[in-house]
C-alpha atoms as a PDB file:
ATOM      1  CA  MET A   1      -5.879 -90.541 -49.292  1.00  0.00           C
ATOM      2  CA  LYS A   2      -9.351 -89.992 -50.597  1.00  0.00           C
ATOM      3  CA  PRO A   3      -9.748 -88.022 -53.804  1.00  0.00           C
ATOM      4  CA  GLU A   4     -12.162 -85.631 -52.086  1.00  0.00           C
ATOM      5  CA  SER A   5      -9.571 -84.787 -49.428  1.00  0.00           C
ATOM      6  CA  SER A   6      -6.937 -84.117 -52.044  1.00  0.00           C
ATOM      7  CA  ILE A   7      -9.250 -81.800 -53.948  1.00  0.00           C
ATOM      8  CA  ASP A   8     -10.154 -79.929 -50.747  1.00  0.00           C
ATOM      9  CA  GLU A   9      -6.524 -79.500 -49.869  1.00  0.00           C
ATOM     10  CA  LEU A  10      -5.747 -78.256 -53.358  1.00  0.00           C
ATOM     11  CA  ARG A  11      -8.640 -75.804 -53.172  1.00  0.00           C
ATOM     12  CA  LYS A  12      -7.442 -74.630 -49.780  1.00  0.00           C
ATOM     13  CA  ALA A  13      -3.901 -74.216 -51.059  1.00  0.00           C
ATOM     14  CA  LEU A  14      -5.205 -72.399 -54.127  1.00  0.00           C
ATOM     15  CA  ASN A  15      -7.258 -70.010 -51.983  1.00  0.00           C
ATOM     16  CA  GLU A  16      -4.257 -69.359 -49.761  1.00  0.00           C
ATOM     17  CA  ALA A  17      -2.136 -68.720 -52.834  1.00  0.00           C
ATOM     18  CA  ARG A  18      -4.756 -66.324 -54.204  1.00  0.00           C
ATOM     19  CA  THR A  19      -4.910 -64.538 -50.853  1.00  0.00           C
ATOM     20  CA  GLU A  20      -1.120 -64.290 -50.773  1.00  0.00           C
ATOM     21  CA  LEU A  21      -1.137 -62.986 -54.336  1.00  0.00           C
ATOM     22  CA  VAL A  22      -3.671 -60.316 -53.476  1.00  0.00           C
ATOM     23  CA  ARG A  23      -1.636 -59.353 -50.400  1.00  0.00           C
ATOM     24  CA  ARG A  24       1.550 -59.139 -52.369  1.00  0.00           C
ATOM     25  CA  LYS A  25      -0.127 -57.144 -55.131  1.00  0.00           C
ATOM     26  CA  ALA A  26      -1.369 -54.726 -52.491  1.00  0.00           C
ATOM     27  CA  GLU A  27       2.138 -54.485 -51.026  1.00  0.00           C
ATOM     28  CA  LYS A  28       3.521 -53.957 -54.513  1.00  0.00           C
ATOM     29  CA  GLU A  29       1.041 -51.156 -55.111  1.00  0.00           C
ATOM     30  CA  ILE A  30       1.988 -49.539 -51.823  1.00  0.00           C
ATOM     31  CA  HIS A  31       5.700 -49.803 -52.622  1.00  0.00           C
ATOM     32  CA  LEU A  32       5.135 -48.417 -56.122  1.00  0.00           C
ATOM     33  CA  ASN A  33       3.209 -45.488 -54.694  1.00  0.00           C
ATOM     34  CA  GLN A  34       5.983 -44.903 -52.164  1.00  0.00           C
ATOM     35  CA  LEU A  35       8.545 -45.123 -54.952  1.00  0.00           C
ATOM     36  CA  HIS A  36       6.626 -42.605 -57.047  1.00  0.00           C
ATOM     37  CA  ASP A  37       6.338 -40.287 -54.051  1.00  0.00           C
ATOM     38  CA  THR A  38      10.062 -40.635 -53.369  1.00  0.00           C
ATOM     39  CA  VAL A  39      10.919 -39.945 -57.010  1.00  0.00           C
ATOM     40  CA  ASP A  40       8.643 -36.897 -56.989  1.00  0.00           C
ATOM     41  CA  ARG A  41      10.219 -35.613 -53.765  1.00  0.00           C
ATOM     42  CA  LEU A  42      13.695 -36.234 -55.175  1.00  0.00           C
ATOM     43  CA  LYS A  43      12.801 -34.329 -58.322  1.00  0.00           C
ATOM     44  CA  SER A  44      11.345 -31.505 -56.249  1.00  0.00           C
ATOM     45  CA  CYS A  45      14.462 -31.425 -54.046  1.00  0.00           C
ATOM     46  CA  GLU A  46      16.720 -31.325 -57.085  1.00  0.00           C
ATOM     47  CA  GLU A  47      14.689 -28.476 -58.577  1.00  0.00           C
ATOM     48  CA  THR A  48      14.807 -26.634 -55.247  1.00  0.00           C
ATOM     49  CA  ARG A  49      18.554 -27.188 -54.982  1.00  0.00           C
ATOM     50  CA  GLU A  50      19.043 -25.894 -58.508  1.00  0.00           C
ATOM     51  CA  LEU A  51      16.934 -22.847 -57.679  1.00  0.00           C
ATOM     52  CA  LEU A  52      18.872 -22.234 -54.461  1.00  0.00           C
ATOM     53  CA  ASP A  53      22.153 -22.569 -56.348  1.00  0.00           C
ATOM     54  CA  ARG A  54      20.959 -19.936 -58.798  1.00  0.00           C
ATOM     55  CA  VAL A  55      19.792 -17.676 -55.973  1.00  0.00           C
ATOM     56  CA  ARG A  56      23.118 -18.162 -54.172  1.00  0.00           C
ATOM     57  CA  LEU A  57      24.986 -17.280 -57.354  1.00  0.00           C
ATOM     58  CA  LEU A  58      22.771 -14.229 -57.839  1.00  0.00           C
ATOM     59  CA  PHE A  59      23.410 -13.137 -54.255  1.00  0.00           C
ATOM     60  CA  GLN A  60      27.132 -13.677 -54.729  1.00  0.00           C
ATOM     61  CA  LEU A  61      27.119 -11.608 -57.905  1.00  0.00           C
ATOM     62  CA  SER A  62      25.088  -8.918 -56.146  1.00  0.00           C
ATOM     63  CA  VAL A  63      27.486  -8.916 -53.198  1.00  0.00           C
ATOM     64  CA  ASP A  64      30.493  -8.758 -55.514  1.00  0.00           C
ATOM     65  CA  HIS A  65      28.921  -5.909 -57.467  1.00  0.00           C
ATOM     66  CA  ALA A  66      28.010  -4.009 -54.285  1.00  0.00           C
ATOM     67  CA  ARG A  67      31.499  -4.630 -52.901  1.00  0.00           C
ATOM     68  CA  LYS A  68      33.115  -3.285 -56.067  1.00  0.00           C
ATOM     69  CA  GLN A  69      30.829  -0.261 -56.040  1.00  0.00           C
ATOM     70  CA  ALA A  70      31.648   0.455 -52.398  1.00  0.00           C
ATOM     71  CA  LYS A  71      35.350  -0.005 -53.179  1.00  0.00           C
ATOM     72  CA  GLN A  72      35.188   2.505 -56.029  1.00  0.00           C
ATOM     73  CA  GLN A  73      33.260   5.031 -53.948  1.00  0.00           C
ATOM     74  CA  LEU A  74      35.682   4.794 -51.037  1.00  0.00           C
ATOM     75  CA  GLU A  75      38.718   4.954 -53.321  1.00  0.00           C
ATOM     76  CA  THR A  76      37.349   8.024 -55.093  1.00  0.00           C
ATOM     77  CA  LEU A  77      36.486   9.963 -51.943  1.00  0.00           C
ATOM     78  CA  VAL A  78      39.730   9.162 -50.115  1.00  0.00           C
ATOM     79  CA  THR A  79      41.791   9.860 -53.242  1.00  0.00           C
ATOM     80  CA  ASN A  80      40.080  13.237 -53.611  1.00  0.00           C
ATOM     81  CA  ALA A  81      40.875  14.005 -49.969  1.00  0.00           C
ATOM     82  CA  LEU A  82      44.532  13.048 -50.405  1.00  0.00           C
ATOM     83  CA  LYS A  83      44.849  15.090 -53.602  1.00  0.00           C
ATOM     84  CA  TYR A  84      43.133  18.037 -51.928  1.00  0.00           C
ATOM     85  CA  VAL A  85      45.691  18.036 -49.125  1.00  0.00           C
ATOM     86  CA  PHE A  86      48.900  16.603 -50.603  1.00  0.00           C
ATOM     87  CA  GLY A  87      48.616  17.319 -54.329  1.00  0.00           C
ATOM     88  CA  SER A  88      47.754  15.401 -57.480  1.00  0.00           C
ATOM     89  CA  SER A  89      50.537  12.798 -57.366  1.00  0.00           C
ATOM     90  CA  ILE A  90      48.876  10.572 -54.782  1.00  0.00           C
ATOM     91  CA  ARG A  91      45.912   8.216 -54.755  1.00  0.00           C
ATOM     92  CA  PHE A  92      44.200   5.659 -52.532  1.00  0.00           C
ATOM     93  CA  GLU A  93      43.691   2.007 -53.481  1.00  0.00           C
ATOM     94  CA  ILE A  94      41.790  -0.856 -51.862  1.00  0.00           C
ATOM     95  CA  GLU A  95      42.718  -4.463 -52.605  1.00  0.00           C
ATOM     96  CA  LEU A  96      39.935  -6.968 -51.945  1.00  0.00           C
ATOM     97  CA  SER A  97      40.705 -10.623 -51.283  1.00  0.00           C
ATOM     98  CA  ASP A  98      39.154 -13.717 -49.763  1.00  0.00           C
ATOM     99  CA  HIS A  99      40.765 -15.696 -46.955  1.00  0.00           C
ATOM    100  CA  GLY A 100      39.000 -18.830 -45.805  1.00  0.00           C
ATOM    101  CA  GLY A 101      35.671 -17.587 -47.110  1.00  0.00           C
ATOM    102  CA  ASN A 102      36.021 -14.261 -45.305  1.00  0.00           C
ATOM    103  CA  PRO A 103      36.399 -11.118 -47.441  1.00  0.00           C
ATOM    104  CA  THR A 104      39.282  -8.851 -46.461  1.00  0.00           C
ATOM    105  CA  ALA A 105      40.435  -5.426 -47.619  1.00  0.00           C
ATOM    106  CA  GLU A 106      43.925  -3.949 -47.607  1.00  0.00           C
ATOM    107  CA  PHE A 107      44.485  -0.188 -47.894  1.00  0.00           C
ATOM    108  CA  TYR A 108      47.338   1.342 -49.878  1.00  0.00           C
ATOM    109  CA  VAL A 109      48.555   4.807 -50.804  1.00  0.00           C
ATOM    110  CA  VAL A 110      50.170   5.108 -54.237  1.00  0.00           C
ATOM    111  CA  SER A 111      52.512   8.048 -54.833  1.00  0.00           C
ATOM    112  CA  GLU A 112      54.515   9.134 -57.855  1.00  0.00           C
ATOM    113  CA  TRP A 113      58.188   9.769 -57.191  1.00  0.00           C
ATOM    114  CA  GLU A 114      60.581  10.705 -60.009  1.00  0.00           C
ATOM    115  CA  GLY A 115      58.386   9.018 -62.592  1.00  0.00           C
ATOM    116  CA  GLN A 116      57.966   5.850 -60.542  1.00  0.00           C
ATOM    117  CA  GLU A 117      54.949   4.684 -58.577  1.00  0.00           C
ATOM    118  CA  VAL A 118      55.537   3.860 -54.933  1.00  0.00           C
ATOM    119  CA  LYS A 119      52.885   1.763 -53.209  1.00  0.00           C
ATOM    120  CA  ASN A 120      52.804   1.718 -49.418  1.00  0.00           C
ATOM    121  CA  ARG A 121      50.432   1.134 -46.581  1.00  0.00           C
ATOM    122  CA  PRO A 122      49.070   4.455 -45.256  1.00  0.00           C
ATOM    123  CA  GLN A 123      51.131   4.226 -42.074  1.00  0.00           C
ATOM    124  CA  ASP A 124      54.311   3.918 -44.164  1.00  0.00           C
ATOM    125  CA  ALA A 125      53.542   6.770 -46.572  1.00  0.00           C
ATOM    126  CA  ARG A 126      54.853  10.233 -45.639  1.00  0.00           C
ATOM    127  CA  GLY A 127      54.428   9.686 -41.922  1.00  0.00           C
ATOM    128  CA  GLY A 128      51.331   9.991 -39.801  1.00  0.00           C
ATOM    129  CA  GLY A 129      49.777  12.839 -41.767  1.00  0.00           C
ATOM    130  CA  VAL A 130      48.630  10.534 -44.552  1.00  0.00           C
ATOM    131  CA  VAL A 131      47.119   8.139 -42.022  1.00  0.00           C
ATOM    132  CA  ASP A 132      45.174  11.027 -40.479  1.00  0.00           C
ATOM    133  CA  ILE A 133      43.737  12.128 -43.820  1.00  0.00           C
ATOM    134  CA  VAL A 134      42.919   8.562 -44.902  1.00  0.00           C
ATOM    135  CA  SER A 135      41.194   7.868 -41.588  1.00  0.00           C
ATOM    136  CA  LEU A 136      39.279  11.141 -41.766  1.00  0.00           C
ATOM    137  CA  ALA A 137      38.162  10.574 -45.357  1.00  0.00           C
ATOM    138  CA  LEU A 138      37.116   6.971 -44.669  1.00  0.00           C
ATOM    139  CA  ARG A 139      34.915   8.065 -41.773  1.00  0.00           C
ATOM    140  CA  ILE A 140      33.243  10.688 -43.926  1.00  0.00           C
ATOM    141  CA  ALA A 141      32.840   8.230 -46.804  1.00  0.00           C
ATOM    142  CA  LEU A 142      31.179   5.645 -44.563  1.00  0.00           C
ATOM    143  CA  MET A 143      28.768   8.253 -43.208  1.00  0.00           C
ATOM    144  CA  GLU A 144      27.775   9.251 -46.729  1.00  0.00           C
ATOM    145  CA  THR A 145      27.548   5.784 -48.301  1.00  0.00           C
ATOM    146  CA  ILE A 146      25.706   3.838 -45.593  1.00  0.00           C
ATOM    147  CA  LYS A 147      21.989   3.429 -46.332  1.00  0.00           C
ATOM    148  CA  PRO A 148      19.889   4.811 -44.779  1.00  0.00           C
ATOM    149  CA  ARG A 149      22.076   7.896 -44.568  1.00  0.00           C
ATOM    150  CA  ILE A 150      23.307   8.772 -41.089  1.00  0.00           C
ATOM    151  CA  GLN A 151      22.009  12.196 -40.126  1.00  0.00           C
ATOM    152  CA  GLY A 152      23.672  14.797 -37.948  1.00  0.00           C
ATOM    153  CA  PRO A 153      26.979  16.650 -37.781  1.00  0.00           C
ATOM    154  CA  ILE A 154      30.472  15.271 -38.263  1.00  0.00           C
ATOM    155  CA  ILE A 155      32.221  15.263 -34.877  1.00  0.00           C
ATOM    156  CA  LEU A 156      36.016  15.044 -34.923  1.00  0.00           C
ATOM    157  CA  ASP A 157      38.549  14.802 -32.112  1.00  0.00           C
ATOM    158  CA  GLU A 158      41.944  16.312 -32.979  1.00  0.00           C
ATOM    159  CA  PRO A 159      41.654  15.880 -36.770  1.00  0.00           C
ATOM    160  CA  GLY A 160      44.961  16.068 -38.595  1.00  0.00           C
ATOM    161  CA  LYS A 161      46.927  15.809 -35.382  1.00  0.00           C
ATOM    162  CA  HIS A 162      49.946  14.456 -37.262  1.00  0.00           C
ATOM    163  CA  VAL A 163      49.535  16.546 -40.418  1.00  0.00           C
ATOM    164  CA  SER A 164      52.494  18.887 -40.868  1.00  0.00           C
ATOM    165  CA  GLU A 165      52.085  22.673 -40.928  1.00  0.00           C
ATOM    166  CA  ASP A 166      52.563  22.705 -44.714  1.00  0.00           C
ATOM    167  CA  TYR A 167      49.347  20.754 -45.218  1.00  0.00           C
ATOM    168  CA  ILE A 168      47.110  22.050 -42.416  1.00  0.00           C
ATOM    169  CA  VAL A 169      45.546  24.817 -44.520  1.00  0.00           C
ATOM    170  CA  PRO A 170      44.617  22.442 -47.394  1.00  0.00           C
ATOM    171  CA  MET A 171      43.119  20.094 -44.795  1.00  0.00           C
ATOM    172  CA  VAL A 172      41.024  22.961 -43.428  1.00  0.00           C
ATOM    173  CA  GLU A 173      39.794  23.721 -46.949  1.00  0.00           C
ATOM    174  CA  PHE A 174      38.975  20.051 -47.418  1.00  0.00           C
ATOM    175  CA  LEU A 175      36.864  20.011 -44.247  1.00  0.00           C
ATOM    176  CA  LYS A 176      35.042  23.141 -45.383  1.00  0.00           C
ATOM    177  CA  SER A 177      34.295  21.580 -48.763  1.00  0.00           C
ATOM    178  CA  VAL A 178      32.986  18.427 -47.054  1.00  0.00           C
ATOM    179  CA  GLY A 179      30.600  20.504 -44.964  1.00  0.00           C
ATOM    180  CA  GLU A 180      29.358  22.387 -48.026  1.00  0.00           C
ATOM    181  CA  ILE A 181      29.071  19.399 -50.370  1.00  0.00           C
ATOM    182  CA  PHE A 182      27.315  17.068 -47.942  1.00  0.00           C
ATOM    183  CA  GLY A 183      25.414  19.732 -46.044  1.00  0.00           C
ATOM    184  CA  ARG A 184      26.802  18.795 -42.660  1.00  0.00           C
ATOM    185  CA  GLN A 185      27.947  20.834 -39.722  1.00  0.00           C
ATOM    186  CA  ILE A 186      31.460  19.950 -38.589  1.00  0.00           C
ATOM    187  CA  ILE A 187      32.192  20.047 -34.868  1.00  0.00           C
ATOM    188  CA  LEU A 188      35.747  19.402 -33.766  1.00  0.00           C
ATOM    189  CA  VAL A 189      38.025  19.517 -30.757  1.00  0.00           C
ATOM    190  CA  THR A 190      41.528  20.755 -31.526  1.00  0.00           C
ATOM    191  CA  HIS A 191      44.613  22.522 -30.248  1.00  0.00           C
ATOM    192  CA  ASN A 192      45.539  23.690 -33.756  1.00  0.00           C
ATOM    193  CA  THR A 193      45.154  27.445 -34.226  1.00  0.00           C
ATOM    194  CA  HIS A 194      44.668  27.084 -38.005  1.00  0.00           C
ATOM    195  CA  LEU A 195      41.546  25.040 -37.360  1.00  0.00           C
ATOM    196  CA  THR A 196      40.150  27.305 -34.658  1.00  0.00           C
ATOM    197  CA  GLU A 197      40.797  30.488 -36.639  1.00  0.00           C
ATOM    198  CA  SER A 198      39.068  29.103 -39.725  1.00  0.00           C
ATOM    199  CA  ALA A 199      35.919  28.091 -37.847  1.00  0.00           C
ATOM    200  CA  ASP A 200      32.592  29.891 -38.134  1.00  0.00           C
ATOM    201  CA  CYS A 201      32.376  29.723 -34.363  1.00  0.00           C
ATOM    202  CA  ALA A 202      35.025  28.728 -31.830  1.00  0.00           C
ATOM    203  CA  TYR A 203      35.050  28.243 -28.092  1.00  0.00           C
ATOM    204  CA  PHE A 204      38.154  28.059 -25.919  1.00  0.00           C
ATOM    205  CA  VAL A 205      38.035  25.800 -22.882  1.00  0.00           C
ATOM    206  CA  ARG A 206      40.510  26.531 -20.095  1.00  0.00           C
ATOM    207  CA  LEU A 207      41.055  24.897 -16.739  1.00  0.00           C
ATOM    208  CA  ALA A 208      41.104  27.437 -13.900  1.00  0.00           C
ATOM    209  CA  SER A 209      41.008  26.574 -10.195  1.00  0.00           C
ATOM    210  CA  GLY A 210      39.866  23.070 -10.999  1.00  0.00           C
ATOM    211  CA  LYS A 211      36.979  24.273 -13.189  1.00  0.00           C
ATOM    212  CA  SER A 212      36.550  24.427 -16.947  1.00  0.00           C
ATOM    213  CA  GLU A 213      35.957  27.924 -18.269  1.00  0.00           C
ATOM    214  CA  VAL A 214      34.435  28.315 -21.733  1.00  0.00           C
ATOM    215  CA  GLU A 215      35.107  31.481 -23.706  1.00  0.00           C
ATOM    216  CA  LEU A 216      33.765  32.448 -27.112  1.00  0.00           C
ATOM    217  CA  SER A 217      36.536  33.409 -29.537  1.00  0.00           C
ATOM    218  CA  ARG A 218      36.125  36.609 -31.528  1.00  0.00           C
ATOM    219  CA  ASN A 219      39.373  36.328 -33.475  1.00  0.00           C
ATOM    220  CA  LEU A 220      38.354  34.300 -36.508  1.00  0.00           C
ATOM    221  CA  ASP A 221      39.844  34.556 -39.981  1.00  0.00           C
ATOM    222  CA  ASN A 222      36.450  34.313 -41.658  1.00  0.00           C
ATOM    223  CA  ASN A 223      35.061  37.390 -39.844  1.00  0.00           C
ATOM    224  CA  THR A 224      31.760  35.689 -39.185  1.00  0.00           C
ATOM    225  CA  LEU A 225      31.715  36.836 -35.559  1.00  0.00           C
END
């Protein structure tokens, strides 16, 4: 082999090596830039995740706080209704729990009997009358606590249907106080004479010859008509 040929081949190999070096340096630069971009994105994602975790925690705390506030408001209003009708030795409690990520609420009526507290579900406490009052008070409470406030009258169908005669009059007084406190008209359908006689205005509906006849009552206890 001639010396000139060897030198040419070495030069060629050197040039190829230099070209390969430049190519690999360029690839390295690209990979480094990609790595930096990936690290920056990872850092940004971690910061975003941390922020979202904080927001989620804040939302959870807000939800828990709102839930506790709603619980207290409902307990207070229903307890006041029960005390108004049945006396001071009874109150309403709500137990909040979480089942499979879903919040649940259980309702209880707590009564005092011979110095002992008795805790029952509403349907097991003093018969159906308690259930009627609890249901009535919960409906009123929801109307008054929902935002924006629901406007209009309170319309009731056979309120206190299972409340005994001993407690009908206190229930009537409770309904009157609700109308006065919350500034709502109360419209109800009932067969109970205590309710009709205590109304500001009452209409009797009778079925005659297959037709409904409506008659204005003029025998009201409050003498408004």
